[in-house]
Amino acid sequence: MAQATTLPFSAFKVMLETGTPGTFAAPCGLTSRSISFSKETNDTNSIDCDQEDAPSWVDRDVVSLSASISGEGVMARESLDLWREAFMTTEPVNARIEVAGSAAQGGGYWSGKFHLTSFEPGATRGERASVSIEMQSSGPIVWSDAVTP
């Protein structure tokens, strides 16, 4: 049996474009983060012309593709402005989800435009302030392989 090659937490980062186009930074504080891909489909029952009374199989056609980013963790002062600015704009922001490693190891990043649809800072007495975020894609999301030096 071969042992799986796994990634540490720090090898998976959510990054937002800063005020400088093409420059991305990972907001500090997220202790969990993920990207989720979804596909909306329409269903059609396809009849068997030779056995019209037989159960039909369902054909599915893709209508749309979407992605969402979610995360939660501690509210880092260093990231508060970045989250606040991303929420307050009515335009989507450029984001990347990086997977560390070379292209041969599967490293690279997804990128696209996202709306920060949920920004929830909070606090519980006796604990550190927290944050929860949700982002929804706006347009295509593309994968770019890591550049091999």
N, C-alpha and C. Protein backbone atom coordinates (compact mmCIF):
# COMPACT_ATOMS: atom_id res chain seq x y z
N MET A 1 0.84 -1.18 0.00
CA MET A 1 0.00 0.00 0.00
C MET A 1 0.89 1.24 0.00
N ALA A 2 0.55 2.20 -0.84
CA ALA A 2 1.31 3.44 -0.91
C ALA A 2 0.63 4.51 -0.07
N GLN A 3 1.42 5.19 0.71
CA GLN A 3 0.91 6.28 1.55
C GLN A 3 0.52 7.47 0.68
N ALA A 4 -0.62 8.07 0.95
CA ALA A 4 -1.06 9.25 0.22
C ALA A 4 -0.14 10.43 0.51
N THR A 5 0.11 11.24 -0.51
CA THR A 5 0.87 12.47 -0.35
C THR A 5 -0.14 13.58 -0.07
N THR A 6 -0.14 14.07 1.15
CA THR A 6 -1.14 15.06 1.55
C THR A 6 -0.52 16.45 1.66
N LEU A 7 -1.37 17.42 1.76
CA LEU A 7 -0.94 18.81 1.87
C LEU A 7 -1.21 19.35 3.27
N PRO A 8 -0.33 20.18 3.79
CA PRO A 8 -0.62 20.83 5.07
C PRO A 8 -1.63 21.96 4.85
N PHE A 9 -2.22 22.43 5.93
CA PHE A 9 -3.20 23.51 5.89
C PHE A 9 -2.67 24.72 5.12
N SER A 10 -1.40 25.08 5.36
CA SER A 10 -0.82 26.29 4.74
C SER A 10 -0.64 26.16 3.23
N ALA A 11 -0.81 24.97 2.67
CA ALA A 11 -0.64 24.77 1.23
C ALA A 11 -1.91 25.08 0.44
N PHE A 12 -2.97 25.49 1.12
CA PHE A 12 -4.24 25.80 0.48
C PHE A 12 -4.67 27.19 0.96
N LYS A 13 -4.58 28.18 0.08
CA LYS A 13 -4.81 29.57 0.49
C LYS A 13 -5.89 30.25 -0.34
N VAL A 14 -6.71 31.03 0.33
CA VAL A 14 -7.65 31.94 -0.32
C VAL A 14 -6.95 33.29 -0.39
N MET A 15 -6.88 33.87 -1.59
CA MET A 15 -6.17 35.14 -1.78
C MET A 15 -7.06 36.13 -2.50
N LEU A 16 -6.99 37.39 -2.08
CA LEU A 16 -7.74 38.47 -2.72
C LEU A 16 -6.76 39.45 -3.35
N GLU A 17 -7.19 40.04 -4.47
CA GLU A 17 -6.35 41.05 -5.12
C GLU A 17 -6.31 42.29 -4.23
N THR A 18 -5.12 42.82 -4.05
CA THR A 18 -4.94 44.02 -3.24
C THR A 18 -5.21 45.25 -4.11
N GLY A 19 -4.89 46.42 -3.63
CA GLY A 19 -5.08 47.65 -4.40
C GLY A 19 -4.22 47.71 -5.65
N THR A 20 -3.19 46.88 -5.74
CA THR A 20 -2.32 46.83 -6.91
C THR A 20 -2.78 45.70 -7.82
N PRO A 21 -3.23 46.00 -9.05
CA PRO A 21 -3.71 44.95 -9.95
C PRO A 21 -2.66 43.85 -10.14
N GLY A 22 -3.12 42.59 -10.07
CA GLY A 22 -2.23 41.45 -10.26
C GLY A 22 -1.48 41.03 -9.00
N THR A 23 -1.65 41.78 -7.90
CA THR A 23 -1.00 41.43 -6.63
C THR A 23 -2.06 40.87 -5.69
N PHE A 24 -1.79 39.68 -5.17
CA PHE A 24 -2.75 38.99 -4.31
C PHE A 24 -2.16 38.77 -2.93
N ALA A 25 -3.02 38.81 -1.93
CA ALA A 25 -2.61 38.57 -0.55
C ALA A 25 -3.63 37.65 0.10
N ALA A 26 -3.13 36.78 0.96
CA ALA A 26 -4.01 35.88 1.71
C ALA A 26 -4.43 36.57 3.00
N PRO A 27 -5.72 36.89 3.15
CA PRO A 27 -6.15 37.50 4.41
C PRO A 27 -5.79 36.57 5.59
N CYS A 28 -5.20 37.15 6.60
CA CYS A 28 -4.77 36.39 7.78
C CYS A 28 -5.98 36.03 8.64
N GLY A 29 -5.93 34.89 9.30
CA GLY A 29 -6.91 34.57 10.31
C GLY A 29 -7.85 33.42 9.98
N LEU A 30 -8.02 33.08 8.70
CA LEU A 30 -8.93 31.99 8.38
C LEU A 30 -8.32 30.67 8.86
N THR A 31 -9.04 29.96 9.70
CA THR A 31 -8.57 28.67 10.19
C THR A 31 -9.25 27.50 9.48
N SER A 32 -10.22 27.82 8.64
CA SER A 32 -10.78 26.84 7.71
C SER A 32 -11.14 27.59 6.44
N ARG A 33 -10.93 26.95 5.33
CA ARG A 33 -11.21 27.59 4.04
C ARG A 33 -11.46 26.51 3.00
N SER A 34 -12.35 26.83 2.05
CA SER A 34 -12.67 25.85 1.03
C SER A 34 -13.21 26.55 -0.21
N ILE A 35 -13.17 25.81 -1.32
CA ILE A 35 -13.84 26.23 -2.54
C ILE A 35 -14.75 25.09 -2.94
N SER A 36 -15.94 25.44 -3.37
CA SER A 36 -16.94 24.45 -3.76
C SER A 36 -17.40 24.77 -5.17
N PHE A 37 -17.47 23.75 -6.01
CA PHE A 37 -17.92 23.92 -7.39
C PHE A 37 -19.29 23.28 -7.55
N SER A 38 -20.17 23.95 -8.29
CA SER A 38 -21.49 23.37 -8.52
C SER A 38 -21.87 23.51 -9.99
N LYS A 39 -22.73 22.61 -10.40
CA LYS A 39 -23.18 22.57 -11.79
C LYS A 39 -24.70 22.45 -11.77
N GLU A 40 -25.38 23.41 -12.38
CA GLU A 40 -26.83 23.34 -12.49
C GLU A 40 -27.18 22.60 -13.78
N THR A 41 -28.14 21.69 -13.68
CA THR A 41 -28.53 20.91 -14.85
C THR A 41 -30.04 20.94 -15.02
N ASN A 42 -30.47 20.68 -16.24
CA ASN A 42 -31.89 20.44 -16.55
C ASN A 42 -32.03 18.97 -16.90
N ASP A 43 -33.12 18.36 -16.46
CA ASP A 43 -33.37 16.94 -16.69
C ASP A 43 -34.41 16.74 -17.78
N THR A 44 -34.17 15.71 -18.61
CA THR A 44 -35.13 15.29 -19.63
C THR A 44 -35.22 13.78 -19.60
N ASN A 45 -36.43 13.24 -19.55
CA ASN A 45 -36.61 11.79 -19.63
C ASN A 45 -36.57 11.38 -21.08
N SER A 46 -35.66 10.45 -21.41
CA SER A 46 -35.52 9.97 -22.78
C SER A 46 -36.22 8.62 -22.92
N ILE A 47 -37.17 8.57 -23.78
CA ILE A 47 -37.97 7.37 -23.96
C ILE A 47 -37.22 6.35 -24.82
N ASP A 48 -37.45 5.08 -24.55
CA ASP A 48 -36.91 4.00 -25.37
C ASP A 48 -37.93 3.74 -26.47
N CYS A 49 -37.59 4.05 -27.70
CA CYS A 49 -38.54 3.95 -28.81
C CYS A 49 -39.02 2.51 -29.06
N ASP A 50 -38.19 1.51 -28.68
CA ASP A 50 -38.58 0.12 -28.88
C ASP A 50 -39.42 -0.42 -27.72
N GLN A 51 -39.29 0.19 -26.53
CA GLN A 51 -40.04 -0.24 -25.35
C GLN A 51 -40.59 1.00 -24.65
N GLU A 52 -41.64 1.55 -25.23
CA GLU A 52 -42.16 2.82 -24.75
C GLU A 52 -42.69 2.78 -23.31
N ASP A 53 -43.07 1.61 -22.81
CA ASP A 53 -43.59 1.50 -21.45
C ASP A 53 -42.48 1.25 -20.43
N ALA A 54 -41.27 1.02 -20.88
CA ALA A 54 -40.15 0.78 -19.97
C ALA A 54 -39.77 2.08 -19.26
N PRO A 55 -39.20 1.97 -18.05
CA PRO A 55 -38.73 3.19 -17.39
C PRO A 55 -37.71 3.93 -18.26
N SER A 56 -37.79 5.22 -18.25
CA SER A 56 -36.87 6.00 -19.08
C SER A 56 -35.63 6.38 -18.27
N TRP A 57 -34.56 6.60 -18.98
CA TRP A 57 -33.34 7.13 -18.37
C TRP A 57 -33.39 8.65 -18.42
N VAL A 58 -32.74 9.27 -17.46
CA VAL A 58 -32.73 10.73 -17.40
C VAL A 58 -31.47 11.24 -18.11
N ASP A 59 -31.67 12.14 -19.07
CA ASP A 59 -30.56 12.87 -19.70
C ASP A 59 -30.43 14.19 -18.98
N ARG A 60 -29.20 14.62 -18.72
CA ARG A 60 -28.98 15.89 -18.04
C ARG A 60 -28.12 16.79 -18.92
N ASP A 61 -28.58 18.02 -19.04
CA ASP A 61 -27.84 19.04 -19.79
C ASP A 61 -27.37 20.11 -18.84
N VAL A 62 -26.11 20.50 -18.98
CA VAL A 62 -25.55 21.53 -18.11
C VAL A 62 -26.09 22.90 -18.50
N VAL A 63 -26.59 23.62 -17.49
CA VAL A 63 -27.13 24.97 -17.69
C VAL A 63 -26.12 26.02 -17.24
N SER A 64 -25.48 25.78 -16.09
CA SER A 64 -24.54 26.77 -15.59
C SER A 64 -23.53 26.13 -14.64
N LEU A 65 -22.41 26.81 -14.47
CA LEU A 65 -21.36 26.42 -13.54
C LEU A 65 -21.17 27.55 -12.54
N SER A 66 -20.81 27.19 -11.32
CA SER A 66 -20.63 28.20 -10.28
C SER A 66 -19.59 27.71 -9.28
N ALA A 67 -19.01 28.64 -8.56
CA ALA A 67 -18.08 28.29 -7.49
C ALA A 67 -18.33 29.19 -6.30
N SER A 68 -18.06 28.67 -5.13
CA SER A 68 -18.17 29.49 -3.93
C SER A 68 -16.97 29.21 -3.03
N ILE A 69 -16.55 30.25 -2.34
CA ILE A 69 -15.44 30.17 -1.39
C ILE A 69 -16.04 30.42 -0.02
N SER A 70 -15.63 29.62 0.95
CA SER A 70 -16.08 29.89 2.32
C SER A 70 -14.90 29.75 3.26
N GLY A 71 -15.01 30.42 4.38
CA GLY A 71 -13.96 30.33 5.38
C GLY A 71 -14.42 30.91 6.69
N GLU A 72 -13.72 30.51 7.74
CA GLU A 72 -13.97 31.09 9.06
C GLU A 72 -12.70 31.00 9.87
N GLY A 73 -12.65 31.80 10.90
CA GLY A 73 -11.48 31.81 11.75
C GLY A 73 -11.48 32.97 12.71
N VAL A 74 -10.30 33.41 13.06
CA VAL A 74 -10.16 34.54 13.97
C VAL A 74 -10.11 35.84 13.17
N MET A 75 -10.62 36.91 13.76
CA MET A 75 -10.58 38.21 13.09
C MET A 75 -9.22 38.83 13.31
N ALA A 76 -8.40 38.83 12.26
CA ALA A 76 -7.08 39.44 12.33
C ALA A 76 -7.21 40.91 11.92
N ARG A 77 -6.68 41.80 12.74
CA ARG A 77 -6.73 43.23 12.41
C ARG A 77 -6.10 43.51 11.05
N GLU A 78 -5.06 42.74 10.70
CA GLU A 78 -4.36 42.93 9.42
C GLU A 78 -5.26 42.70 8.22
N SER A 79 -6.35 41.97 8.38
CA SER A 79 -7.22 41.60 7.26
C SER A 79 -8.55 42.34 7.25
N LEU A 80 -8.85 43.06 8.28
CA LEU A 80 -10.16 43.70 8.40
C LEU A 80 -10.45 44.64 7.25
N ASP A 81 -9.50 45.49 6.88
CA ASP A 81 -9.72 46.43 5.77
C ASP A 81 -9.97 45.70 4.45
N LEU A 82 -9.21 44.64 4.19
CA LEU A 82 -9.35 43.88 2.94
C LEU A 82 -10.75 43.26 2.84
N TRP A 83 -11.23 42.66 3.93
CA TRP A 83 -12.57 42.08 3.92
C TRP A 83 -13.64 43.16 3.79
N ARG A 84 -13.48 44.25 4.52
CA ARG A 84 -14.47 45.33 4.50
C ARG A 84 -14.57 45.94 3.10
N GLU A 85 -13.43 46.19 2.46
CA GLU A 85 -13.44 46.76 1.11
C GLU A 85 -14.07 45.80 0.11
N ALA A 86 -13.78 44.50 0.23
CA ALA A 86 -14.36 43.52 -0.69
C ALA A 86 -15.88 43.45 -0.54
N PHE A 87 -16.36 43.62 0.69
CA PHE A 87 -17.81 43.59 0.90
C PHE A 87 -18.49 44.86 0.41
N MET A 88 -17.89 46.00 0.63
CA MET A 88 -18.54 47.28 0.33
C MET A 88 -18.61 47.60 -1.16
N THR A 89 -17.78 46.98 -1.98
CA THR A 89 -17.84 47.25 -3.41
C THR A 89 -19.01 46.51 -4.05
N THR A 90 -19.61 47.12 -5.05
CA THR A 90 -20.68 46.45 -5.79
C THR A 90 -20.14 45.64 -6.95
N GLU A 91 -18.84 45.74 -7.19
CA GLU A 91 -18.19 44.98 -8.26
C GLU A 91 -17.55 43.72 -7.67
N PRO A 92 -17.47 42.65 -8.45
CA PRO A 92 -16.78 41.47 -7.95
C PRO A 92 -15.28 41.75 -7.82
N VAL A 93 -14.63 41.05 -6.91
CA VAL A 93 -13.19 41.20 -6.70
C VAL A 93 -12.47 39.98 -7.27
N ASN A 94 -11.24 40.19 -7.69
CA ASN A 94 -10.43 39.08 -8.18
C ASN A 94 -9.93 38.26 -7.00
N ALA A 95 -10.06 36.95 -7.12
CA ALA A 95 -9.62 36.05 -6.06
C ALA A 95 -8.90 34.86 -6.65
N ARG A 96 -8.03 34.28 -5.84
CA ARG A 96 -7.31 33.06 -6.20
C ARG A 96 -7.41 32.08 -5.05
N ILE A 97 -7.45 30.82 -5.39
CA ILE A 97 -7.35 29.76 -4.41
C ILE A 97 -6.14 28.95 -4.82
N GLU A 98 -5.06 29.10 -4.04
CA GLU A 98 -3.79 28.48 -4.40
C GLU A 98 -3.62 27.13 -3.74
N VAL A 99 -3.08 26.20 -4.52
CA VAL A 99 -2.69 24.89 -4.04
C VAL A 99 -1.18 24.81 -4.25
N ALA A 100 -0.42 24.72 -3.15
CA ALA A 100 1.04 24.74 -3.23
C ALA A 100 1.56 23.49 -3.95
N GLY A 101 2.72 23.64 -4.55
CA GLY A 101 3.38 22.53 -5.22
C GLY A 101 3.67 22.85 -6.67
N SER A 102 4.50 22.04 -7.26
CA SER A 102 4.82 22.21 -8.68
C SER A 102 3.65 21.73 -9.53
N ALA A 103 3.70 22.03 -10.82
CA ALA A 103 2.65 21.56 -11.72
C ALA A 103 2.59 20.03 -11.72
N ALA A 104 3.75 19.38 -11.67
CA ALA A 104 3.79 17.92 -11.63
C ALA A 104 3.14 17.36 -10.36
N GLN A 105 3.14 18.13 -9.29
CA GLN A 105 2.52 17.72 -8.02
C GLN A 105 1.05 18.12 -7.93
N GLY A 106 0.54 18.77 -8.98
CA GLY A 106 -0.85 19.23 -8.97
C GLY A 106 -1.01 20.64 -8.44
N GLY A 107 0.10 21.36 -8.26
CA GLY A 107 0.03 22.72 -7.75
C GLY A 107 -0.43 23.71 -8.80
N GLY A 108 -0.95 24.83 -8.32
CA GLY A 108 -1.44 25.89 -9.19
C GLY A 108 -2.51 26.67 -8.47
N TYR A 109 -3.42 27.27 -9.22
CA TYR A 109 -4.49 28.04 -8.57
C TYR A 109 -5.71 28.18 -9.47
N TRP A 110 -6.88 28.26 -8.81
CA TRP A 110 -8.11 28.66 -9.47
C TRP A 110 -8.18 30.18 -9.34
N SER A 111 -8.70 30.84 -10.36
CA SER A 111 -8.85 32.30 -10.27
C SER A 111 -10.13 32.73 -10.98
N GLY A 112 -10.65 33.86 -10.52
CA GLY A 112 -11.84 34.42 -11.13
C GLY A 112 -12.35 35.58 -10.29
N LYS A 113 -13.49 36.08 -10.69
CA LYS A 113 -14.12 37.19 -9.97
C LYS A 113 -15.17 36.62 -9.02
N PHE A 114 -15.19 37.21 -7.81
CA PHE A 114 -16.11 36.76 -6.77
C PHE A 114 -16.72 37.95 -6.06
N HIS A 115 -17.98 37.79 -5.66
CA HIS A 115 -18.62 38.75 -4.76
C HIS A 115 -18.50 38.20 -3.34
N LEU A 116 -18.08 39.04 -2.41
CA LEU A 116 -18.10 38.68 -1.00
C LEU A 116 -19.55 38.87 -0.55
N THR A 117 -20.32 37.78 -0.52
CA THR A 117 -21.75 37.86 -0.26
C THR A 117 -22.09 37.79 1.22
N SER A 118 -21.16 37.30 2.03
CA SER A 118 -21.40 37.24 3.47
C SER A 118 -20.09 37.53 4.20
N PHE A 119 -20.14 38.52 5.07
CA PHE A 119 -18.99 38.92 5.88
C PHE A 119 -19.52 39.06 7.29
N GLU A 120 -19.15 38.12 8.16
CA GLU A 120 -19.73 38.07 9.49
C GLU A 120 -18.67 38.08 10.58
N PRO A 121 -18.26 39.29 11.01
CA PRO A 121 -17.38 39.37 12.17
C PRO A 121 -18.23 39.17 13.43
N GLY A 122 -17.63 38.59 14.45
CA GLY A 122 -18.37 38.37 15.68
C GLY A 122 -17.43 38.13 16.85
N ALA A 123 -18.01 38.02 18.01
CA ALA A 123 -17.22 37.76 19.21
C ALA A 123 -18.08 37.08 20.25
N THR A 124 -17.42 36.25 21.03
CA THR A 124 -18.04 35.58 22.16
C THR A 124 -17.22 35.92 23.39
N ARG A 125 -17.89 36.27 24.47
CA ARG A 125 -17.19 36.63 25.70
C ARG A 125 -16.24 35.51 26.11
N GLY A 126 -15.01 35.89 26.44
CA GLY A 126 -14.01 34.92 26.85
C GLY A 126 -13.23 34.30 25.71
N GLU A 127 -13.54 34.72 24.47
CA GLU A 127 -12.84 34.19 23.29
C GLU A 127 -12.37 35.35 22.42
N ARG A 128 -11.56 35.04 21.46
CA ARG A 128 -11.11 36.04 20.49
C ARG A 128 -12.19 36.29 19.45
N ALA A 129 -12.19 37.49 18.87
CA ALA A 129 -13.15 37.83 17.83
C ALA A 129 -12.96 36.89 16.64
N SER A 130 -14.06 36.62 15.96
CA SER A 130 -14.05 35.67 14.85
C SER A 130 -14.57 36.31 13.58
N VAL A 131 -14.42 35.60 12.47
CA VAL A 131 -14.96 36.05 11.20
C VAL A 131 -15.39 34.82 10.41
N SER A 132 -16.45 35.02 9.63
CA SER A 132 -16.93 34.00 8.72
C SER A 132 -17.21 34.70 7.39
N ILE A 133 -16.79 34.08 6.28
CA ILE A 133 -16.99 34.71 4.97
C ILE A 133 -17.58 33.70 3.99
N GLU A 134 -18.26 34.24 2.99
CA GLU A 134 -18.78 33.44 1.88
C GLU A 134 -18.64 34.30 0.63
N MET A 135 -18.11 33.70 -0.43
CA MET A 135 -17.93 34.40 -1.70
C MET A 135 -18.57 33.57 -2.81
N GLN A 136 -19.21 34.25 -3.76
CA GLN A 136 -19.86 33.59 -4.89
C GLN A 136 -19.22 34.06 -6.19
N SER A 137 -18.97 33.13 -7.09
CA SER A 137 -18.33 33.47 -8.36
C SER A 137 -19.23 34.33 -9.22
N SER A 138 -18.58 35.13 -10.07
CA SER A 138 -19.27 35.95 -11.06
C SER A 138 -18.49 35.81 -12.36
N GLY A 139 -18.92 34.88 -13.20
CA GLY A 139 -18.19 34.60 -14.44
C GLY A 139 -17.34 33.35 -14.29
N PRO A 140 -16.51 33.09 -15.29
CA PRO A 140 -15.75 31.84 -15.31
C PRO A 140 -14.65 31.78 -14.26
N ILE A 141 -14.38 30.56 -13.80
CA ILE A 141 -13.28 30.26 -12.90
C ILE A 141 -12.31 29.39 -13.69
N VAL A 142 -11.04 29.75 -13.70
CA VAL A 142 -10.07 28.99 -14.49
C VAL A 142 -8.97 28.43 -13.58
N TRP A 143 -8.41 27.33 -14.00
CA TRP A 143 -7.29 26.71 -13.30
C TRP A 143 -6.01 27.05 -14.06
N SER A 144 -4.98 27.44 -13.33
CA SER A 144 -3.64 27.68 -13.90
C SER A 144 -2.64 26.79 -13.17
N ASP A 145 -1.91 25.99 -13.93
CA ASP A 145 -0.87 25.16 -13.33
C ASP A 145 0.23 26.05 -12.73
N ALA A 146 0.86 25.54 -11.70
CA ALA A 146 2.00 26.24 -11.11
C ALA A 146 3.08 26.40 -12.17
N VAL A 147 3.79 27.51 -12.11
CA VAL A 147 4.89 27.76 -13.03
C VAL A 147 6.12 27.06 -12.48
N THR A 148 6.72 26.22 -13.31
CA THR A 148 7.92 25.50 -12.88
C THR A 148 9.13 26.37 -13.15
N PRO A 149 9.93 26.65 -12.09
CA PRO A 149 11.09 27.52 -12.28
C PRO A 149 12.14 26.90 -13.18
